N, C-alpha and C. Protein backbone atom coordinates (compact mmCIF):
# COMPACT_ATOMS: atom_id res chain seq x y z
N MET A 1 64.69 -217.73 136.55
CA MET A 1 64.31 -216.98 135.38
C MET A 1 64.52 -215.50 135.66
N SER A 2 65.16 -214.80 134.74
CA SER A 2 65.42 -213.38 134.93
C SER A 2 64.16 -212.56 134.68
N ARG A 3 64.21 -211.33 135.10
CA ARG A 3 63.07 -210.43 134.92
C ARG A 3 62.74 -210.28 133.44
N ASN A 4 63.77 -210.18 132.60
CA ASN A 4 63.59 -210.02 131.16
C ASN A 4 62.91 -211.25 130.55
N GLU A 5 63.32 -212.46 130.98
CA GLU A 5 62.70 -213.69 130.47
C GLU A 5 61.24 -213.77 130.89
N THR A 6 60.95 -213.36 132.11
CA THR A 6 59.57 -213.36 132.60
C THR A 6 58.73 -212.40 131.76
N TYR A 7 59.26 -211.22 131.46
CA TYR A 7 58.55 -210.22 130.67
C TYR A 7 58.27 -210.77 129.28
N ASN A 8 59.29 -211.39 128.66
CA ASN A 8 59.10 -211.95 127.32
C ASN A 8 58.06 -213.06 127.33
N THR A 9 58.05 -213.88 128.37
CA THR A 9 57.07 -214.96 128.47
C THR A 9 55.66 -214.38 128.59
N LYS A 10 55.51 -213.34 129.40
CA LYS A 10 54.20 -212.70 129.55
C LYS A 10 53.75 -212.07 128.23
N GLN A 11 54.71 -211.45 127.52
CA GLN A 11 54.38 -210.87 126.22
C GLN A 11 53.88 -211.95 125.26
N LYS A 12 54.60 -213.06 125.21
CA LYS A 12 54.23 -214.15 124.31
C LYS A 12 52.86 -214.70 124.67
N GLU A 13 52.59 -214.81 125.96
CA GLU A 13 51.28 -215.31 126.40
C GLU A 13 50.16 -214.37 125.98
N ILE A 14 50.40 -213.08 126.12
CA ILE A 14 49.41 -212.07 125.71
C ILE A 14 49.17 -212.15 124.20
N ILE A 15 50.25 -212.25 123.43
CA ILE A 15 50.14 -212.34 121.97
C ILE A 15 49.39 -213.60 121.57
N LEU A 16 49.77 -214.74 122.15
CA LEU A 16 49.13 -216.00 121.81
C LEU A 16 47.65 -216.00 122.16
N ASN A 17 47.30 -215.48 123.33
CA ASN A 17 45.89 -215.41 123.72
C ASN A 17 45.10 -214.50 122.78
N THR A 18 45.71 -213.41 122.35
CA THR A 18 45.06 -212.49 121.42
C THR A 18 44.84 -213.18 120.07
N ILE A 19 45.84 -213.93 119.61
CA ILE A 19 45.73 -214.66 118.35
C ILE A 19 44.61 -215.69 118.43
N LYS A 20 44.55 -216.43 119.52
CA LYS A 20 43.55 -217.50 119.67
C LYS A 20 42.13 -216.95 119.69
N LYS A 21 41.95 -215.70 120.10
CA LYS A 21 40.62 -215.10 120.18
C LYS A 21 40.12 -214.58 118.83
N GLN A 22 41.00 -214.51 117.83
CA GLN A 22 40.61 -213.96 116.54
C GLN A 22 39.57 -214.84 115.86
N LYS A 23 38.49 -214.25 115.40
CA LYS A 23 37.43 -214.98 114.71
C LYS A 23 37.66 -215.02 113.20
N HIS A 24 38.47 -214.10 112.71
CA HIS A 24 38.73 -214.00 111.28
C HIS A 24 40.24 -214.00 111.05
N ALA A 25 40.61 -214.06 109.80
CA ALA A 25 42.02 -213.93 109.45
C ALA A 25 42.50 -212.56 109.92
N PHE A 26 43.78 -212.46 110.27
CA PHE A 26 44.30 -211.23 110.83
C PHE A 26 45.71 -210.96 110.30
N THR A 27 46.15 -209.73 110.44
CA THR A 27 47.52 -209.34 110.12
C THR A 27 48.27 -209.15 111.43
N VAL A 28 49.58 -209.07 111.35
CA VAL A 28 50.39 -208.81 112.54
C VAL A 28 50.03 -207.45 113.13
N LYS A 29 49.76 -206.48 112.27
CA LYS A 29 49.39 -205.15 112.76
C LYS A 29 48.05 -205.17 113.49
N ASP A 30 47.14 -206.05 113.07
CA ASP A 30 45.87 -206.20 113.81
C ASP A 30 46.15 -206.63 115.25
N ILE A 31 47.04 -207.61 115.41
CA ILE A 31 47.40 -208.09 116.75
C ILE A 31 48.08 -206.97 117.54
N TYR A 32 49.01 -206.29 116.90
CA TYR A 32 49.73 -205.18 117.53
C TYR A 32 48.75 -204.13 118.04
N ASN A 33 47.78 -203.75 117.21
CA ASN A 33 46.81 -202.72 117.59
C ASN A 33 45.87 -203.19 118.70
N GLU A 34 45.56 -204.47 118.73
CA GLU A 34 44.64 -205.00 119.74
C GLU A 34 45.31 -205.15 121.11
N ILE A 35 46.60 -205.47 121.11
CA ILE A 35 47.30 -205.73 122.37
C ILE A 35 47.42 -204.47 123.21
N ASN A 36 47.72 -203.34 122.59
CA ASN A 36 47.85 -202.08 123.32
C ASN A 36 48.85 -202.13 124.47
N THR A 37 49.98 -202.78 124.25
CA THR A 37 51.04 -202.79 125.26
C THR A 37 52.32 -202.28 124.61
N LYS A 38 53.40 -202.39 125.33
CA LYS A 38 54.69 -201.97 124.81
C LYS A 38 55.36 -203.06 123.96
N THR A 39 54.61 -204.08 123.62
CA THR A 39 55.15 -205.17 122.80
C THR A 39 55.42 -204.64 121.41
N GLY A 40 56.63 -204.89 120.91
CA GLY A 40 57.01 -204.40 119.60
C GLY A 40 56.55 -205.31 118.49
N LEU A 41 56.47 -204.75 117.29
CA LEU A 41 56.10 -205.53 116.12
C LEU A 41 57.06 -206.69 115.88
N THR A 42 58.34 -206.47 116.13
CA THR A 42 59.34 -207.52 115.92
C THR A 42 59.04 -208.74 116.77
N THR A 43 58.66 -208.53 118.02
CA THR A 43 58.32 -209.62 118.92
C THR A 43 57.12 -210.39 118.39
N ILE A 44 56.13 -209.67 117.90
CA ILE A 44 54.92 -210.32 117.37
C ILE A 44 55.27 -211.11 116.11
N TYR A 45 56.04 -210.50 115.21
CA TYR A 45 56.45 -211.21 113.99
C TYR A 45 57.22 -212.49 114.32
N ARG A 46 58.11 -212.42 115.29
CA ARG A 46 58.91 -213.60 115.67
C ARG A 46 58.01 -214.74 116.16
N LEU A 47 57.04 -214.42 117.02
CA LEU A 47 56.15 -215.44 117.55
C LEU A 47 55.24 -215.98 116.44
N VAL A 48 54.74 -215.11 115.59
CA VAL A 48 53.88 -215.53 114.49
C VAL A 48 54.64 -216.47 113.56
N ASP A 49 55.89 -216.13 113.23
CA ASP A 49 56.70 -217.00 112.37
C ASP A 49 56.90 -218.37 113.01
N LYS A 50 57.14 -218.38 114.32
CA LYS A 50 57.30 -219.65 115.04
C LYS A 50 56.02 -220.47 115.00
N LEU A 51 54.87 -219.82 115.18
CA LEU A 51 53.59 -220.52 115.16
C LEU A 51 53.26 -221.06 113.77
N VAL A 52 53.67 -220.34 112.73
CA VAL A 52 53.49 -220.84 111.36
C VAL A 52 54.35 -222.08 111.16
N GLU A 53 55.59 -222.01 111.62
CA GLU A 53 56.51 -223.14 111.51
C GLU A 53 55.97 -224.37 112.25
N GLU A 54 55.34 -224.15 113.39
CA GLU A 54 54.76 -225.24 114.20
C GLU A 54 53.38 -225.66 113.70
N LYS A 55 52.91 -225.06 112.61
CA LYS A 55 51.61 -225.35 111.99
C LYS A 55 50.43 -225.04 112.90
N GLN A 56 50.61 -224.05 113.78
CA GLN A 56 49.50 -223.58 114.60
C GLN A 56 48.79 -222.42 113.92
N LEU A 57 49.48 -221.78 112.98
CA LEU A 57 48.90 -220.68 112.22
C LEU A 57 49.02 -221.00 110.74
N ASN A 58 48.02 -220.64 109.99
CA ASN A 58 48.08 -220.72 108.55
C ASN A 58 48.42 -219.32 108.03
N LYS A 59 49.35 -219.26 107.10
CA LYS A 59 49.77 -217.99 106.52
C LYS A 59 49.34 -217.97 105.07
N PHE A 60 48.72 -216.87 104.66
CA PHE A 60 48.36 -216.74 103.25
C PHE A 60 48.44 -215.28 102.84
N ILE A 61 48.67 -215.06 101.56
CA ILE A 61 48.83 -213.71 101.02
C ILE A 61 47.62 -213.42 100.13
N SER A 62 46.99 -212.28 100.40
CA SER A 62 45.79 -211.90 99.65
C SER A 62 46.17 -211.36 98.28
N ASP A 63 45.16 -211.08 97.47
CA ASP A 63 45.38 -210.55 96.13
C ASP A 63 46.09 -209.20 96.15
N ASP A 64 45.93 -208.45 97.24
CA ASP A 64 46.60 -207.14 97.34
C ASP A 64 47.95 -207.22 98.06
N ASN A 65 48.50 -208.45 98.16
CA ASN A 65 49.81 -208.71 98.78
C ASN A 65 49.87 -208.47 100.28
N THR A 66 48.73 -208.49 100.95
CA THR A 66 48.70 -208.40 102.41
C THR A 66 48.83 -209.81 102.97
N THR A 67 49.71 -209.97 103.97
CA THR A 67 49.89 -211.28 104.60
C THR A 67 48.90 -211.42 105.75
N TYR A 68 48.10 -212.48 105.68
CA TYR A 68 47.12 -212.78 106.71
C TYR A 68 47.47 -214.09 107.39
N TYR A 69 46.98 -214.23 108.62
CA TYR A 69 47.19 -215.44 109.40
C TYR A 69 45.85 -215.88 109.96
N GLN A 70 45.75 -217.17 110.22
CA GLN A 70 44.55 -217.72 110.86
C GLN A 70 45.01 -218.80 111.83
N TYR A 71 44.51 -218.74 113.04
CA TYR A 71 44.84 -219.75 114.04
C TYR A 71 44.12 -221.04 113.70
N LEU A 72 44.85 -222.15 113.72
CA LEU A 72 44.29 -223.47 113.42
C LEU A 72 44.20 -224.27 114.71
N GLU A 73 42.99 -224.54 115.13
CA GLU A 73 42.80 -225.36 116.32
C GLU A 73 43.48 -226.71 116.11
N LYS A 74 44.15 -227.19 117.12
CA LYS A 74 44.77 -228.51 117.05
C LYS A 74 43.66 -229.55 117.00
N CYS A 75 43.82 -230.50 116.11
CA CYS A 75 42.78 -231.50 115.92
C CYS A 75 43.40 -232.89 115.99
N ASP A 76 42.79 -233.76 116.77
CA ASP A 76 43.26 -235.14 116.88
C ASP A 76 42.62 -236.06 115.85
N GLN A 77 41.65 -235.55 115.11
CA GLN A 77 40.99 -236.33 114.09
C GLN A 77 41.93 -236.58 112.92
N LYS A 78 41.85 -237.76 112.32
CA LYS A 78 42.69 -238.07 111.17
C LYS A 78 42.06 -237.57 109.87
N ASN A 79 40.77 -237.40 109.86
CA ASN A 79 40.06 -237.07 108.63
C ASN A 79 39.52 -235.64 108.69
N HIS A 80 40.43 -234.68 108.75
CA HIS A 80 39.97 -233.31 108.82
C HIS A 80 40.66 -232.46 107.76
N PHE A 81 40.02 -231.35 107.47
CA PHE A 81 40.59 -230.38 106.55
C PHE A 81 39.95 -229.03 106.87
N TYR A 82 40.36 -228.02 106.13
CA TYR A 82 39.87 -226.67 106.39
C TYR A 82 39.26 -226.10 105.11
N LEU A 83 38.21 -225.32 105.27
CA LEU A 83 37.62 -224.57 104.18
C LEU A 83 37.91 -223.09 104.43
N LYS A 84 38.47 -222.41 103.43
CA LYS A 84 38.82 -220.99 103.58
C LYS A 84 37.97 -220.17 102.62
N CYS A 85 37.24 -219.22 103.18
CA CYS A 85 36.40 -218.35 102.37
C CYS A 85 37.26 -217.24 101.75
N ASP A 86 37.19 -217.11 100.43
CA ASP A 86 37.96 -216.08 99.73
C ASP A 86 37.43 -214.67 99.98
N LYS A 87 36.19 -214.55 100.42
CA LYS A 87 35.60 -213.22 100.66
C LYS A 87 35.87 -212.72 102.08
N CYS A 88 35.40 -213.48 103.09
CA CYS A 88 35.52 -213.01 104.48
C CYS A 88 36.81 -213.49 105.14
N LYS A 89 37.54 -214.40 104.47
CA LYS A 89 38.82 -214.92 104.95
C LYS A 89 38.71 -215.88 106.13
N ASP A 90 37.48 -216.24 106.54
CA ASP A 90 37.31 -217.20 107.63
C ASP A 90 37.82 -218.57 107.19
N ILE A 91 38.29 -219.33 108.17
CA ILE A 91 38.71 -220.71 107.93
C ILE A 91 37.87 -221.60 108.84
N PHE A 92 37.24 -222.61 108.24
CA PHE A 92 36.35 -223.50 108.96
C PHE A 92 36.97 -224.88 109.04
N HIS A 93 36.99 -225.46 110.24
CA HIS A 93 37.53 -226.79 110.46
C HIS A 93 36.44 -227.80 110.16
N ILE A 94 36.78 -228.83 109.35
CA ILE A 94 35.80 -229.84 108.95
C ILE A 94 36.34 -231.23 109.30
N ASP A 95 35.57 -232.03 110.00
CA ASP A 95 35.88 -233.45 110.24
C ASP A 95 34.99 -234.26 109.30
N CYS A 96 35.61 -234.95 108.35
CA CYS A 96 34.81 -235.66 107.37
C CYS A 96 35.64 -236.77 106.73
N ASP A 97 35.06 -237.96 106.65
CA ASP A 97 35.76 -239.10 106.05
C ASP A 97 35.95 -238.99 104.55
N CYS A 98 35.26 -238.09 103.88
CA CYS A 98 35.38 -237.98 102.42
C CYS A 98 36.79 -237.59 102.00
N ILE A 99 37.56 -237.00 102.89
CA ILE A 99 38.93 -236.62 102.57
C ILE A 99 39.78 -237.85 102.26
N ASN A 100 39.43 -239.01 102.87
CA ASN A 100 40.15 -240.25 102.59
C ASN A 100 39.98 -240.67 101.14
N GLU A 101 38.76 -240.56 100.63
CA GLU A 101 38.49 -240.93 99.24
C GLU A 101 39.28 -240.02 98.28
N LEU A 102 39.28 -238.73 98.56
CA LEU A 102 40.06 -237.80 97.74
C LEU A 102 41.54 -238.10 97.82
N SER A 103 42.03 -238.33 99.03
CA SER A 103 43.44 -238.65 99.23
C SER A 103 43.84 -239.91 98.48
N ASN A 104 43.02 -240.96 98.58
CA ASN A 104 43.31 -242.21 97.87
C ASN A 104 43.31 -242.01 96.36
N HIS A 105 42.37 -241.23 95.87
CA HIS A 105 42.32 -240.94 94.44
C HIS A 105 43.61 -240.24 93.99
N ILE A 106 44.04 -239.25 94.74
CA ILE A 106 45.24 -238.50 94.37
C ILE A 106 46.48 -239.40 94.43
N ILE A 107 46.58 -240.24 95.46
CA ILE A 107 47.72 -241.16 95.56
C ILE A 107 47.71 -242.15 94.40
N ASN A 108 46.56 -242.79 94.14
CA ASN A 108 46.48 -243.84 93.12
C ASN A 108 46.57 -243.32 91.69
N ASN A 109 45.96 -242.18 91.43
CA ASN A 109 45.89 -241.70 90.06
C ASN A 109 46.94 -240.64 89.71
N HIS A 110 47.49 -240.00 90.72
CA HIS A 110 48.42 -238.91 90.45
C HIS A 110 49.77 -239.08 91.15
N LYS A 111 49.90 -240.20 91.89
CA LYS A 111 51.17 -240.53 92.57
C LYS A 111 51.67 -239.38 93.45
N PHE A 112 50.73 -238.80 94.20
CA PHE A 112 51.04 -237.67 95.08
C PHE A 112 50.35 -237.89 96.40
N LYS A 113 51.13 -237.93 97.48
CA LYS A 113 50.57 -238.16 98.81
C LYS A 113 50.28 -236.81 99.47
N LEU A 114 49.04 -236.67 99.95
CA LEU A 114 48.62 -235.43 100.61
C LEU A 114 49.11 -235.37 102.05
N ASN A 115 49.43 -234.17 102.50
CA ASN A 115 49.67 -233.90 103.91
C ASN A 115 48.30 -233.56 104.49
N LYS A 116 47.64 -234.53 105.10
CA LYS A 116 46.26 -234.35 105.55
C LYS A 116 46.15 -233.51 106.82
N GLU A 117 47.26 -233.06 107.37
CA GLU A 117 47.19 -232.22 108.57
C GLU A 117 46.80 -230.79 108.24
N ASN A 118 47.02 -230.38 106.99
CA ASN A 118 46.83 -228.96 106.68
C ASN A 118 46.25 -228.76 105.29
N ILE A 119 45.20 -229.51 104.96
CA ILE A 119 44.55 -229.35 103.66
C ILE A 119 43.58 -228.18 103.78
N ILE A 120 43.72 -227.21 102.89
CA ILE A 120 42.85 -226.06 102.88
C ILE A 120 42.21 -225.97 101.50
N ILE A 121 40.89 -226.00 101.47
CA ILE A 121 40.13 -225.87 100.23
C ILE A 121 39.51 -224.48 100.22
N LYS A 122 39.77 -223.74 99.15
CA LYS A 122 39.30 -222.37 99.06
C LYS A 122 38.00 -222.28 98.29
N GLY A 123 37.17 -221.31 98.67
CA GLY A 123 35.90 -221.08 98.00
C GLY A 123 35.16 -219.94 98.68
N ILE A 124 33.85 -219.95 98.60
CA ILE A 124 33.02 -218.91 99.20
C ILE A 124 32.06 -219.56 100.20
N CYS A 125 32.08 -219.09 101.45
CA CYS A 125 31.23 -219.67 102.50
C CYS A 125 29.75 -219.33 102.25
N ASP A 126 28.90 -220.05 102.94
CA ASP A 126 27.45 -219.88 102.81
C ASP A 126 27.02 -218.46 103.14
N LYS A 127 27.56 -217.89 104.20
CA LYS A 127 27.19 -216.54 104.63
C LYS A 127 27.51 -215.52 103.53
N CYS A 128 28.69 -215.62 102.95
CA CYS A 128 29.08 -214.67 101.89
C CYS A 128 28.28 -214.89 100.62
N GLN A 129 27.91 -216.15 100.33
CA GLN A 129 27.06 -216.42 99.17
C GLN A 129 25.70 -215.75 99.34
N LYS A 130 25.15 -215.84 100.56
CA LYS A 130 23.83 -215.24 100.81
C LYS A 130 23.88 -213.72 100.75
N GLU A 131 25.01 -213.13 101.16
CA GLU A 131 25.16 -211.67 101.11
C GLU A 131 25.19 -211.15 99.68
N ASN A 132 25.63 -211.99 98.75
CA ASN A 132 25.73 -211.58 97.34
C ASN A 132 24.42 -211.73 96.59
N ASN A 133 23.43 -212.39 97.21
CA ASN A 133 22.15 -212.59 96.52
C ASN A 133 21.16 -211.51 96.82
């Protein structure tokens, strides 16, 4: 492995570790600012795009056209989905058999098969609901 390949691998490892530590949705610039190295934005964008393609990151665009990402923990459960808070942008992983009932309903009544690996239901989390009261 050449020196350049080693450097790129270390950069990717730093970027990936920084992404995995994020507690909330983030932008590429958030990662860039947190890393504080000579890693360029292009390198971060390339890795982020690859992670989205591999379904390790969820990509979504906010109402103000800002692109956010959220790391999705790999899950071996068959009956899981995600809840995304529209206010704080957090994504919560849920293991629950009720998704089967919903999936069967959609298949039987609407002739549409769900991709159960990446179901995201949007709403407002409990914490944000309490902050508004």
